[in-house]
């Protein structure tokens, strides 16, 4: 008998006519690690929240869910809170206490655990995840990765048997992401906790999970071990593969699908008999050689409080027309602060910000500077998606056509009458991007623009950014998505110690790095001319005579 059994589950949100889950069925074994993939809006978040009674969405539900033979509806609130843990994608929205100790203890207090037992439970969960040193720290002082580990510890302290993770690493920098996933693997392997993780970023997940379930239109359409998923992937399914098995699949790889970089390099050496010598990457022509900076900061300093440490320290940077610049770096480094300084939301303590050669910034509006915050919902103030798009097209002669084109470009055609807050996280990001691009900005500042986006939406965004840059727009994106940055950027810089460092042409940046680099770069180094994206690597293999699909 399955440990978790979802049987013909159908769910429709209140006020909607289209079900978010449509006869969804799923069987999960005890102790299994299951990855759920699928396009934004396919029902992943709705499914996970339907498995946690306290977070179940409001609407009409049919079908059944049983956990260890007991209907979820018949579990007491205390048992459901203890047995089923949940961690979402935004670390900021999940904390309710001031300190780490109080946050981890909160759930234990809520279920009425004997107070004498709480310190021991807190210590055990914190030490297991390696964050015991943070116990007395304030939540506000933590990085995003540390906050997410605290959220995981809060769930773990309740001794759950089922752990639900909804896009848990989408806002984490690469090292923090690896630490979080390593902790989840330990929970699964050493404590035997059943784990279901829904996510778009599968790069490090395939080697960890037992099976991969794909959702589409509110249903589970396939459940396969990761190597079988890679072998059978075709058409749209290939988009959900990490770089290593995707490259293997795209050139008709035989034998067993590689999942890790080590396995991928071993396979690649059998395909490429004569490894290429290492070559020194050269910088491509950069916008500095073509035009004056459109937006720049010189000797800028910033701190949030008089006695606080400097977040930005003597920083100088330039953004050029037609350029896409990616700013990378750890959570809490100051990337968001930099974007707010460049957008005019924050004022520097010292130094200057110039726009089009003049000191100061233009008024917000059409043809100026557009800013996408990490939380796209901050840009919404209307009751319908159509009204949000209508708001920014006022005065355009082809208003309706512009809205239709933007809706099609960002796959929002079927959502025009929906409330913006009823959209999934990825759909909200797409709506915010549609609003900003309709303003035809000269400068586009994007803070984590791919958070919550499925592979198809990421590809569409890449196309939009390239078109905007070709039209002369200057684009800066702060991101943890290294693969996306390598695909779209002209330059990349690493934010560290209050400054931008390691500024380089994007190929040189990713070729020379070992940690802030892509799977494609790790896979190809020393075997093929260094590729920074999966598509580049596939193209190189085709030159080698591989049978590419």
Protein backbone atom coordinates (compact mmCIF):
# COMPACT_ATOMS: atom_id res chain seq x y z
CA UNK A 1 0.00 0.00 0.00
CA UNK A 2 1.24 3.50 -0.86
CA UNK A 3 2.33 5.71 2.00
CA UNK A 4 0.75 8.73 0.29
CA UNK A 5 -2.13 8.12 -2.10
CA UNK A 6 -3.78 10.91 -4.08
CA UNK A 7 -6.85 9.56 -5.85
CA UNK A 8 -8.69 11.45 -8.59
CA UNK A 9 -8.17 14.78 -6.83
CA UNK A 10 -9.98 17.67 -8.49
CA UNK A 11 -9.78 21.20 -7.12
CA UNK A 12 -11.23 24.49 -8.38
CA UNK A 13 -10.35 27.80 -6.77
CA UNK A 14 -13.24 29.90 -5.50
CA UNK A 15 -14.53 32.10 -8.32
CA UNK A 16 -12.76 30.13 -11.05
CA UNK A 17 -14.42 27.97 -13.69
CA UNK A 18 -11.28 26.02 -14.63
CA UNK A 19 -10.00 23.38 -12.19
CA UNK A 20 -6.40 23.75 -11.00
CA UNK A 21 -6.29 20.00 -10.38
CA UNK A 22 -8.27 17.79 -12.75
CA UNK A 23 -8.45 14.16 -11.67
CA UNK A 24 -4.92 14.16 -10.27
CA UNK A 25 -3.67 10.79 -8.96
CA UNK A 26 -0.32 9.98 -7.39
CA UNK A 27 1.17 7.17 -5.31
CA UNK A 28 4.29 7.77 -3.20
CA UNK A 29 6.23 5.14 -1.26
CA UNK A 30 7.38 5.69 2.31
CA UNK A 31 10.88 7.18 2.38
CA UNK A 32 10.78 8.15 -1.28
CA UNK A 33 12.25 11.38 -2.67
CA UNK A 34 9.93 12.55 -5.47
CA UNK A 35 10.54 15.51 -7.79
CA UNK A 36 7.50 17.15 -9.42
CA UNK A 37 8.07 19.18 -12.59
CA UNK A 38 5.75 20.97 -14.98
CA UNK A 39 4.97 24.33 -16.52
CA UNK A 40 3.95 27.30 -14.38
CA UNK A 41 0.26 27.08 -13.55
CA UNK A 42 0.04 23.31 -14.14
CA UNK A 43 -1.00 22.74 -10.51
CA UNK A 44 2.23 21.89 -8.65
CA UNK A 45 1.74 24.38 -5.81
CA UNK A 46 -1.97 23.58 -5.57
CA UNK A 47 -1.16 19.88 -5.26
CA UNK A 48 1.44 20.41 -2.52
CA UNK A 49 -0.80 22.74 -0.53
CA UNK A 50 -3.64 20.23 -0.84
CA UNK A 51 -1.40 17.76 0.99
CA UNK A 52 -0.98 20.10 3.98
CA UNK A 53 -4.41 20.67 5.64
CA UNK A 54 -3.45 23.97 7.29
CA UNK A 55 -2.35 25.39 3.92
CA UNK A 56 -5.08 23.83 1.74
CA UNK A 57 -6.38 26.41 -0.77
CA UNK A 58 -9.95 27.68 -0.61
CA UNK A 59 -12.31 26.25 -3.20
CA UNK A 60 -14.22 23.15 -4.28
CA UNK A 61 -12.47 19.80 -3.84
CA UNK A 62 -13.31 16.27 -4.93
CA UNK A 63 -11.35 13.06 -4.61
CA UNK A 64 -9.30 11.76 -1.69
CA UNK A 65 -5.85 11.95 -0.13
CA UNK A 66 -4.63 9.35 2.37
CA UNK A 67 -1.41 9.36 4.36
CA UNK A 68 -0.31 6.06 5.86
CA UNK A 69 -3.85 4.75 5.42
CA UNK A 70 -5.59 7.75 7.07
CA UNK A 71 -7.67 10.29 5.17
CA UNK A 72 -6.13 13.74 5.50
CA UNK A 73 -9.55 15.16 6.32
CA UNK A 74 -9.73 12.89 9.36
CA UNK A 75 -6.35 13.82 10.81
CA UNK A 76 -6.41 16.13 13.82
CA UNK A 77 -4.86 19.57 13.27
CA UNK A 78 -2.11 18.69 15.76
CA UNK A 79 -1.20 15.44 13.98
CA UNK A 80 -1.31 17.06 10.55
CA UNK A 81 0.94 19.91 11.72
CA UNK A 82 3.47 17.48 13.18
CA UNK A 83 3.49 14.76 10.55
CA UNK A 84 3.50 16.98 7.44
CA UNK A 85 6.17 19.66 7.04
CA UNK A 86 6.08 22.40 4.41
CA UNK A 87 8.71 24.85 3.12
CA UNK A 88 7.86 27.35 0.37
CA UNK A 89 9.96 29.34 -2.06
CA UNK A 90 10.18 32.73 -0.33
CA UNK A 91 12.23 32.64 2.92
CA UNK A 92 10.93 36.06 3.95
CA UNK A 93 7.27 35.05 4.03
CA UNK A 94 7.63 32.00 6.25
CA UNK A 95 9.15 33.42 9.42
CA UNK A 96 7.05 34.75 12.31
CA UNK A 97 9.55 35.24 15.15
CA UNK A 98 12.45 37.59 15.90
CA UNK A 99 15.19 35.06 16.63
CA UNK A 100 16.26 31.74 15.17
CA UNK A 101 15.59 29.83 18.40
CA UNK A 102 12.10 31.32 18.73
CA UNK A 103 11.34 30.56 15.09
CA UNK A 104 12.28 26.89 15.34
CA UNK A 105 10.40 26.60 18.66
CA UNK A 106 7.24 28.27 17.32
CA UNK A 107 5.78 25.15 15.70
CA UNK A 108 6.55 23.04 18.76
CA UNK A 109 4.76 25.52 20.99
CA UNK A 110 1.81 25.64 18.58
CA UNK A 111 1.21 21.89 18.84
CA UNK A 112 1.44 22.01 22.63
CA UNK A 113 4.69 20.13 23.17
CA UNK A 114 5.86 19.98 26.77
CA UNK A 115 7.96 23.10 27.32
CA UNK A 116 10.80 21.16 28.93
CA UNK A 117 11.27 19.21 25.69
CA UNK A 118 11.33 22.19 23.33
CA UNK A 119 14.98 23.31 23.81
CA UNK A 120 16.22 19.80 23.07
CA UNK A 121 14.09 19.52 19.91
CA UNK A 122 15.31 22.93 18.72
CA UNK A 123 18.94 22.02 19.37
CA UNK A 124 18.62 18.67 17.61
CA UNK A 125 17.07 20.16 14.45
CA UNK A 126 19.50 23.08 14.33
CA UNK A 127 22.58 20.91 14.88
CA UNK A 128 21.44 18.34 12.30
CA UNK A 129 21.30 21.11 9.69
CA UNK A 130 24.52 22.76 10.89
CA UNK A 131 22.93 26.04 12.01
CA UNK A 132 23.27 25.68 15.77
CA UNK A 133 25.60 28.69 15.80
CA UNK A 134 22.70 30.84 14.57
CA UNK A 135 20.35 30.06 17.46
CA UNK A 136 20.66 33.46 19.15
CA UNK A 137 20.79 35.48 15.93
CA UNK A 138 17.97 37.72 14.75
CA UNK A 139 16.08 36.50 11.69
CA UNK A 140 16.57 39.92 10.09
CA UNK A 141 20.36 39.43 10.20
CA UNK A 142 20.35 36.19 8.23
CA UNK A 143 21.01 35.66 4.53
CA UNK A 144 18.32 34.14 2.34
CA UNK A 145 20.01 30.75 2.44
CA UNK A 146 20.28 30.83 6.23
CA UNK A 147 16.59 31.80 6.54
CA UNK A 148 15.58 28.89 4.33
CA UNK A 149 17.61 26.48 6.48
CA UNK A 150 15.84 27.91 9.55
CA UNK A 151 12.49 27.26 7.85
CA UNK A 152 13.60 23.71 7.17
CA UNK A 153 14.72 23.30 10.79
CA UNK A 154 11.31 24.58 11.96
CA UNK A 155 9.61 21.84 9.96
CA UNK A 156 12.17 19.22 10.98
CA UNK A 157 11.80 19.94 14.72
CA UNK A 158 8.22 18.61 14.57
CA UNK A 159 9.54 15.20 13.46
CA UNK A 160 7.56 15.08 10.20
CA UNK A 161 7.15 11.90 8.19
CA UNK A 162 6.29 13.80 5.00
CA UNK A 163 8.18 16.93 3.88
CA UNK A 164 6.70 19.11 1.13
CA UNK A 165 9.02 21.59 -0.60
CA UNK A 166 7.62 24.13 -3.07
CA UNK A 167 10.39 25.74 -5.16
CA UNK A 168 12.57 25.91 -2.03
CA UNK A 169 15.83 26.97 -3.71
CA UNK A 170 14.59 29.42 -6.34
CA UNK A 171 15.81 32.48 -4.38
CA UNK A 172 19.06 30.97 -3.11
CA UNK A 173 22.57 31.62 -4.41
CA UNK A 174 24.42 28.57 -5.82
CA UNK A 175 26.38 27.65 -2.64
CA UNK A 176 23.29 28.14 -0.44
CA UNK A 177 21.25 26.05 -2.85
CA UNK A 178 23.72 23.17 -2.58
CA UNK A 179 23.75 23.40 1.23
CA UNK A 180 19.94 23.32 1.34
CA UNK A 181 19.63 20.34 -1.01
CA UNK A 182 22.37 18.50 0.87
CA UNK A 183 20.37 18.99 4.08
CA UNK A 184 17.19 17.70 2.42
CA UNK A 185 19.04 14.62 1.16
CA UNK A 186 20.28 13.89 4.69
CA UNK A 187 16.74 14.23 6.05
CA UNK A 188 15.53 11.78 3.43
CA UNK A 189 18.35 9.26 3.72
CA UNK A 190 19.24 9.40 7.43
CA UNK A 191 15.80 10.09 8.93
CA UNK A 192 13.74 8.23 6.33
CA UNK A 193 11.44 11.21 5.76
CA UNK A 194 9.35 11.06 2.59
CA UNK A 195 10.10 14.15 0.47
CA UNK A 196 8.10 15.70 -2.36
CA UNK A 197 9.80 18.67 -4.02
CA UNK A 198 8.19 20.75 -6.77
CA UNK A 199 10.57 22.85 -8.84
CA UNK A 200 11.63 24.21 -12.20
CA UNK A 201 15.36 24.27 -11.47
CA UNK A 202 16.32 20.59 -11.76
CA UNK A 203 20.08 21.07 -12.26
CA UNK A 204 21.26 19.39 -9.03
CA UNK A 205 18.10 17.41 -8.27
CA UNK A 206 18.09 14.47 -10.67
CA UNK A 207 20.97 12.67 -8.91
CA UNK A 208 19.16 13.01 -5.55
CA UNK A 209 15.62 11.85 -6.30
CA UNK A 210 14.08 8.42 -6.71
CA UNK A 211 11.45 9.38 -9.28
CA UNK A 212 10.36 12.36 -11.37
CA UNK A 213 6.66 13.14 -11.79
CA UNK A 214 5.56 15.47 -14.58
CA UNK A 215 2.36 17.48 -14.25
CA UNK A 216 0.33 19.00 -17.04
CA UNK A 217 -3.07 20.73 -16.86
CA UNK A 218 -3.73 19.63 -13.30
CA UNK A 219 -2.80 15.96 -13.78
CA UNK A 220 0.21 13.72 -13.18
CA UNK A 221 1.04 12.47 -16.67
CA UNK A 222 4.15 10.41 -15.93
CA UNK A 223 6.21 9.14 -12.98
CA UNK A 224 9.62 7.67 -13.81
CA UNK A 225 13.07 7.16 -12.28
CA UNK A 226 15.32 10.05 -13.37
CA UNK A 227 17.42 7.98 -15.79
CA UNK A 228 14.28 6.58 -17.41
CA UNK A 229 12.79 10.08 -17.58
CA UNK A 230 15.95 11.25 -19.36
CA UNK A 231 15.87 8.32 -21.80
CA UNK A 232 12.20 8.77 -22.70
CA UNK A 233 12.22 12.59 -22.73
CA UNK A 234 11.13 13.96 -26.05
CA UNK A 235 9.69 17.22 -27.28
CA UNK A 236 8.65 19.42 -24.36
CA UNK A 237 9.95 16.97 -21.73
CA UNK A 238 13.56 17.68 -22.77
CA UNK A 239 13.16 21.20 -21.32
CA UNK A 240 12.83 19.75 -17.82
CA UNK A 241 16.13 17.86 -18.00
CA UNK A 242 19.26 19.17 -16.27
CA UNK A 243 22.21 20.03 -18.50
CA UNK A 244 24.05 16.68 -18.26
CA UNK A 245 21.22 14.32 -19.27
CA UNK A 246 19.84 16.94 -21.67
CA UNK A 247 23.11 17.02 -23.61
CA UNK A 248 23.25 13.20 -23.54
CA UNK A 249 19.64 12.91 -24.75
CA UNK A 250 20.01 15.56 -27.46
CA UNK A 251 22.80 13.63 -29.18
CA UNK A 252 21.04 10.28 -28.95
CA UNK A 253 23.16 9.01 -26.09
CA UNK A 254 23.22 5.26 -25.60
CA UNK A 255 23.59 3.09 -22.52
CA UNK A 256 22.66 4.59 -19.13
CA UNK A 257 21.86 8.29 -18.90
CA UNK A 258 24.50 10.28 -16.94
CA UNK A 259 23.08 12.48 -14.17
CA UNK A 260 26.13 14.09 -12.54
CA UNK A 261 28.98 16.13 -14.01
CA UNK A 262 31.37 13.26 -13.17
CA UNK A 263 29.22 10.76 -15.05
CA UNK A 264 28.72 13.24 -17.87
CA UNK A 265 32.44 13.87 -18.33
CA UNK A 266 33.12 10.13 -18.37
CA UNK A 267 30.50 9.71 -21.10
CA UNK A 268 31.75 12.77 -23.00
CA UNK A 269 35.27 11.35 -23.15
CA UNK A 270 33.91 8.25 -24.92
CA UNK A 271 32.26 10.51 -27.49
CA UNK A 272 35.21 12.90 -27.97
CA UNK A 273 38.32 10.76 -28.44
CA UNK A 274 40.75 13.69 -28.70
CA UNK A 275 40.25 16.20 -25.86
CA UNK A 276 41.01 19.80 -26.86
CA UNK A 277 43.80 21.68 -25.05
CA UNK A 278 42.80 24.40 -22.62
CA UNK A 279 42.67 27.79 -24.35
CA UNK A 280 42.69 31.23 -22.85
CA UNK A 281 39.25 32.82 -23.40
CA UNK A 282 39.27 36.22 -25.03
CA UNK A 283 36.95 39.11 -24.37
CA UNK A 284 34.42 39.90 -27.05
CA UNK A 285 33.77 43.47 -28.08
CA UNK A 286 31.89 45.16 -25.26
CA UNK A 287 29.54 48.15 -25.27
CA UNK A 288 32.27 50.32 -23.68
CA UNK A 289 33.92 50.41 -27.09
CA UNK A 290 30.71 51.42 -28.85
CA UNK A 291 28.80 54.06 -26.85
CA UNK A 292 28.70 56.19 -23.73
CA UNK A 293 27.12 54.74 -20.60
CA UNK A 294 23.36 55.24 -20.31
CA UNK A 295 23.26 54.59 -16.55
CA UNK A 296 26.26 54.75 -14.23
CA UNK A 297 27.30 54.92 -10.60
CA UNK A 298 30.59 56.40 -9.43
CA UNK A 299 32.19 56.05 -5.99
CA UNK A 300 28.81 55.15 -4.47
CA UNK A 301 28.45 54.29 -0.76
CA UNK A 302 25.33 53.15 1.03
CA UNK A 303 24.33 51.83 4.46
CA UNK A 304 20.83 51.36 5.89
CA UNK A 305 21.52 52.87 9.31
CA UNK A 306 24.08 55.27 10.70
CA UNK A 307 25.78 52.55 12.71
CA UNK A 308 25.18 49.74 10.22
CA UNK A 309 27.96 48.31 8.03
CA UNK A 310 28.33 49.53 4.48
CA UNK A 311 26.30 47.46 2.01
CA UNK A 312 27.74 49.30 -1.00
CA UNK A 313 31.30 50.56 -0.60
CA UNK A 314 32.96 52.87 -3.14
CA UNK A 315 31.19 51.13 -6.02
CA UNK A 316 31.57 52.17 -9.63
CA UNK A 317 29.68 50.60 -12.52
CA UNK A 318 28.32 51.43 -15.95
CA UNK A 319 25.45 50.13 -18.06
CA UNK A 320 25.45 50.72 -21.80
CA UNK A 321 22.71 50.91 -24.47
CA UNK A 322 22.09 47.52 -26.03
CA UNK A 323 23.90 45.68 -23.22
CA UNK A 324 22.71 42.93 -20.89
CA UNK A 325 24.72 42.86 -17.67
CA UNK A 326 24.27 40.12 -15.07
CA UNK A 327 25.18 40.82 -11.44
CA UNK A 328 25.83 37.64 -9.46
CA UNK A 329 26.70 37.00 -5.84
CA UNK A 330 25.54 35.44 -2.56
CA UNK A 331 22.29 36.19 -0.77
CA UNK A 332 22.69 39.37 1.27
CA UNK A 333 25.67 40.64 -0.71
CA UNK A 334 23.86 43.83 -1.79
CA UNK A 335 22.60 43.11 -5.32
CA UNK A 336 19.05 44.29 -4.55
CA UNK A 337 20.43 47.38 -2.83
CA UNK A 338 22.46 48.19 -5.93
CA UNK A 339 19.39 47.91 -8.16
CA UNK A 340 17.39 50.17 -5.84
CA UNK A 341 20.18 52.75 -5.94
CA UNK A 342 20.27 52.64 -9.75
CA UNK A 343 16.46 52.91 -9.94
CA UNK A 344 16.27 55.87 -7.54
CA UNK A 345 14.35 54.02 -4.82
CA UNK A 346 17.35 54.50 -2.53
CA UNK A 347 19.72 57.48 -2.42
CA UNK A 348 23.46 56.93 -1.96
CA UNK A 349 25.14 58.19 1.18
CA UNK A 350 28.00 59.34 -1.03
CA UNK A 351 28.84 59.21 -4.70
CA UNK A 352 26.79 59.93 -7.80
CA UNK A 353 24.36 58.13 -10.08
CA UNK A 354 24.07 59.48 -13.63
CA UNK A 355 21.51 58.85 -16.35
CA UNK A 356 22.29 59.69 -19.98
CA UNK A 357 25.34 61.65 -18.86
CA UNK A 358 23.45 63.83 -16.39
CA UNK A 359 23.44 63.66 -12.62
CA UNK A 360 20.22 62.28 -11.17
CA UNK A 361 17.53 59.98 -12.56
CA UNK A 362 14.48 60.58 -14.78
CA UNK A 363 10.88 60.50 -13.61
CA UNK A 364 9.32 57.05 -13.66
CA UNK A 365 7.12 56.25 -16.63
CA UNK A 366 7.28 55.42 -20.31
CA UNK A 367 10.66 55.44 -21.96
CA UNK A 368 12.64 55.74 -18.72
CA UNK A 369 13.84 53.26 -16.08
CA UNK A 370 11.70 50.20 -15.31
CA UNK A 371 12.30 48.08 -12.20
CA UNK A 372 11.19 44.51 -11.43
CA UNK A 373 11.33 43.76 -7.67
CA UNK A 374 11.88 40.27 -6.27
CA UNK A 375 8.20 40.22 -5.29
CA UNK A 376 6.38 40.98 -8.58
CA UNK A 377 3.05 41.37 -6.76
CA UNK A 378 4.27 44.78 -5.57
CA UNK A 379 3.54 46.04 -9.10
CA UNK A 380 -0.13 44.99 -9.02
CA UNK A 381 -2.99 47.28 -8.02
CA UNK A 382 -5.91 46.12 -10.20
CA UNK A 383 -8.49 43.36 -9.96
CA UNK A 384 -7.82 41.72 -13.32
CA UNK A 385 -4.76 40.91 -15.40
CA UNK A 386 -6.28 42.79 -18.35
CA UNK A 387 -6.60 45.93 -16.21
CA UNK A 388 -2.95 45.67 -15.14
CA UNK A 389 -1.86 45.66 -18.78
CA UNK A 390 -4.38 48.35 -19.71
CA UNK A 391 -2.92 50.62 -17.03
CA UNK A 392 0.47 50.88 -18.75
CA UNK A 393 -0.82 51.22 -22.34
CA UNK A 394 -2.75 54.44 -21.82
CA UNK A 395 -2.05 56.81 -24.68
CA UNK A 396 -0.83 54.17 -27.12
CA UNK A 397 -2.62 54.28 -30.50
CA UNK A 398 -2.69 50.48 -30.82
CA UNK A 399 -3.60 49.82 -27.20
CA UNK A 400 -5.59 46.60 -27.67
CA UNK A 401 -3.05 45.14 -30.07
CA UNK A 402 -0.23 45.94 -27.64
CA UNK A 403 -2.04 44.15 -24.83
CA UNK A 404 -2.75 41.14 -27.04
CA UNK A 405 0.89 40.93 -28.15
CA UNK A 406 2.18 41.20 -24.58
CA UNK A 407 -0.29 38.56 -23.35
CA UNK A 408 0.78 36.19 -26.13
CA UNK A 409 4.48 36.86 -25.61
CA UNK A 410 4.26 36.01 -21.91
CA UNK A 411 1.65 33.22 -22.25
CA UNK A 412 -1.08 35.10 -20.39
CA UNK A 413 -3.86 34.84 -22.99
CA UNK A 414 -6.01 32.58 -20.83
CA UNK A 415 -5.43 34.63 -17.68
CA UNK A 416 -6.62 38.09 -18.73
CA UNK A 417 -9.76 37.92 -16.59
CA UNK A 418 -8.02 36.40 -13.55
CA UNK A 419 -7.08 38.35 -10.43
CA UNK A 420 -3.30 38.93 -10.36
CA UNK A 421 -3.07 37.46 -6.86
CA UNK A 422 -4.71 34.23 -8.07
CA UNK A 423 -1.84 33.58 -10.49
CA UNK A 424 0.99 31.21 -9.70
CA UNK A 425 4.37 32.66 -8.76
CA UNK A 426 5.72 32.19 -12.28
CA UNK A 427 2.61 33.71 -13.84
CA UNK A 428 2.90 36.76 -11.57
CA UNK A 429 6.48 37.25 -12.73
CA UNK A 430 5.37 37.00 -16.36
CA UNK A 431 2.63 39.57 -15.78
CA UNK A 432 5.04 41.99 -14.12
CA UNK A 433 7.49 41.60 -17.01
CA UNK A 434 4.69 42.18 -19.52
CA UNK A 435 3.77 45.45 -17.75
CA UNK A 436 7.34 46.68 -17.73
CA UNK A 437 8.11 45.86 -21.36
CA UNK A 438 4.90 47.65 -22.44
CA UNK A 439 6.48 50.84 -21.05
CA UNK A 440 9.26 50.56 -23.69
CA UNK A 441 11.94 51.49 -21.11
CA UNK A 442 15.42 52.67 -22.01
CA UNK A 443 16.76 50.92 -18.90
CA UNK A 444 15.42 47.67 -17.46
CA UNK A 445 16.50 46.65 -13.94
CA UNK A 446 15.46 43.11 -13.03
CA UNK A 447 15.81 41.51 -9.59
CA UNK A 448 15.66 37.69 -9.85
CA UNK A 449 13.56 37.75 -13.05
CA UNK A 450 13.57 33.95 -13.54
CA UNK A 451 12.33 33.06 -10.04
CA UNK A 452 9.33 30.76 -10.48
CA UNK A 453 9.61 30.62 -14.28
CA UNK A 454 9.40 27.27 -16.02
CA UNK A 455 11.89 26.46 -18.83
CA UNK A 456 9.49 27.65 -21.52
CA UNK A 457 8.90 31.02 -19.81
CA UNK A 458 12.66 31.39 -19.29
CA UNK A 459 13.25 30.88 -23.00
CA UNK A 460 10.54 33.43 -23.83
CA UNK A 461 12.07 35.94 -21.41
CA UNK A 462 15.51 35.43 -22.94
CA UNK A 463 14.04 36.23 -26.34
CA UNK A 464 12.33 39.38 -25.02
CA UNK A 465 15.52 40.62 -23.36
CA UNK A 466 17.57 40.06 -26.51
CA UNK A 467 14.98 41.93 -28.61
CA UNK A 468 14.92 44.80 -26.11
CA UNK A 469 18.71 45.01 -26.06
CA UNK A 470 18.83 44.96 -29.86
CA UNK A 471 16.50 47.97 -29.81
CA UNK A 472 18.95 49.85 -27.56
CA UNK A 473 17.59 49.08 -24.10
CA UNK A 474 20.20 48.78 -21.33
CA UNK A 475 19.42 45.78 -19.11
CA UNK A 476 20.81 44.79 -15.73
CA UNK A 477 19.67 41.63 -13.99
CA UNK A 478 20.60 40.48 -10.50
CA UNK A 479 20.24 36.73 -10.50
CA UNK A 480 21.22 33.40 -9.00
CA UNK A 481 20.28 31.65 -12.26
CA UNK A 482 23.74 31.09 -13.71
CA UNK A 483 22.52 29.17 -16.75
CA UNK A 484 20.15 32.01 -17.71
CA UNK A 485 22.84 34.63 -17.13
CA UNK A 486 25.22 32.73 -19.41
CA UNK A 487 22.55 32.52 -22.13
CA UNK A 488 21.53 36.18 -22.33
CA UNK A 489 24.34 38.35 -20.91
CA UNK A 490 27.07 40.31 -22.61
CA UNK A 491 28.97 40.86 -19.36
CA UNK A 492 28.86 39.37 -15.86
CA UNK A 493 30.09 40.78 -12.55
CA UNK A 494 30.31 39.31 -9.06
CA UNK A 495 29.05 41.44 -6.17
CA UNK A 496 31.33 40.93 -3.17
CA UNK A 497 32.44 43.07 -0.23
CA UNK A 498 30.29 46.00 -1.33
CA UNK A 499 31.72 46.19 -4.83
CA UNK A 500 31.42 44.65 -8.25
CA UNK A 501 34.33 42.31 -8.96
CA UNK A 502 35.57 40.02 -11.72
CA UNK A 503 33.93 42.07 -14.46
CA UNK A 504 34.34 40.22 -17.74
CA UNK A 505 32.79 39.20 -21.00
CA UNK A 506 30.29 36.50 -20.08
CA UNK A 507 32.28 33.71 -21.74
CA UNK A 508 35.47 34.62 -19.90
CA UNK A 509 33.59 35.00 -16.60
CA UNK A 510 32.03 31.53 -16.67
CA UNK A 511 35.05 29.84 -18.25
CA UNK A 512 37.40 31.01 -15.51
CA UNK A 513 35.12 30.34 -12.53
CA UNK A 514 34.78 26.99 -10.76
CA UNK A 515 31.86 27.65 -8.42
CA UNK A 516 29.99 30.55 -10.00
CA UNK A 517 29.77 28.78 -13.33
CA UNK A 518 27.40 26.56 -15.28
CA UNK A 519 27.05 22.80 -15.57
CA UNK A 520 27.85 23.08 -19.27
CA UNK A 521 31.16 24.75 -18.47
CA UNK A 522 32.07 22.11 -15.86
CA UNK A 523 31.08 19.36 -18.28
CA UNK A 524 33.04 20.60 -21.27
CA UNK A 525 36.28 21.95 -19.74
CA UNK A 526 39.31 20.17 -21.20
CA UNK A 527 37.22 17.90 -23.42
CA UNK A 528 35.60 20.34 -25.88
CA UNK A 529 36.01 24.05 -26.49
CA UNK A 530 34.52 25.45 -23.30
CA UNK A 531 30.78 25.92 -23.64
CA UNK A 532 28.78 27.94 -21.11
CA UNK A 533 25.31 26.78 -22.14
CA UNK A 534 23.77 23.41 -22.94
CA UNK A 535 22.91 24.58 -26.47
CA UNK A 536 26.53 25.57 -27.12
CA UNK A 537 27.73 22.19 -25.87
CA UNK A 538 25.23 20.36 -28.07
CA UNK A 539 26.40 22.41 -31.06
CA UNK A 540 30.03 21.47 -30.33
CA UNK A 541 29.08 17.80 -30.17
CA UNK A 542 27.37 18.08 -33.53
CA UNK A 543 30.63 19.40 -34.97
CA UNK A 544 32.31 16.32 -33.52
CA UNK A 545 29.91 14.18 -35.53
CA UNK A 546 27.40 13.29 -32.79
CA UNK A 547 23.98 12.10 -33.95
CA UNK A 548 22.06 15.10 -32.59
CA UNK A 549 18.30 15.20 -32.58
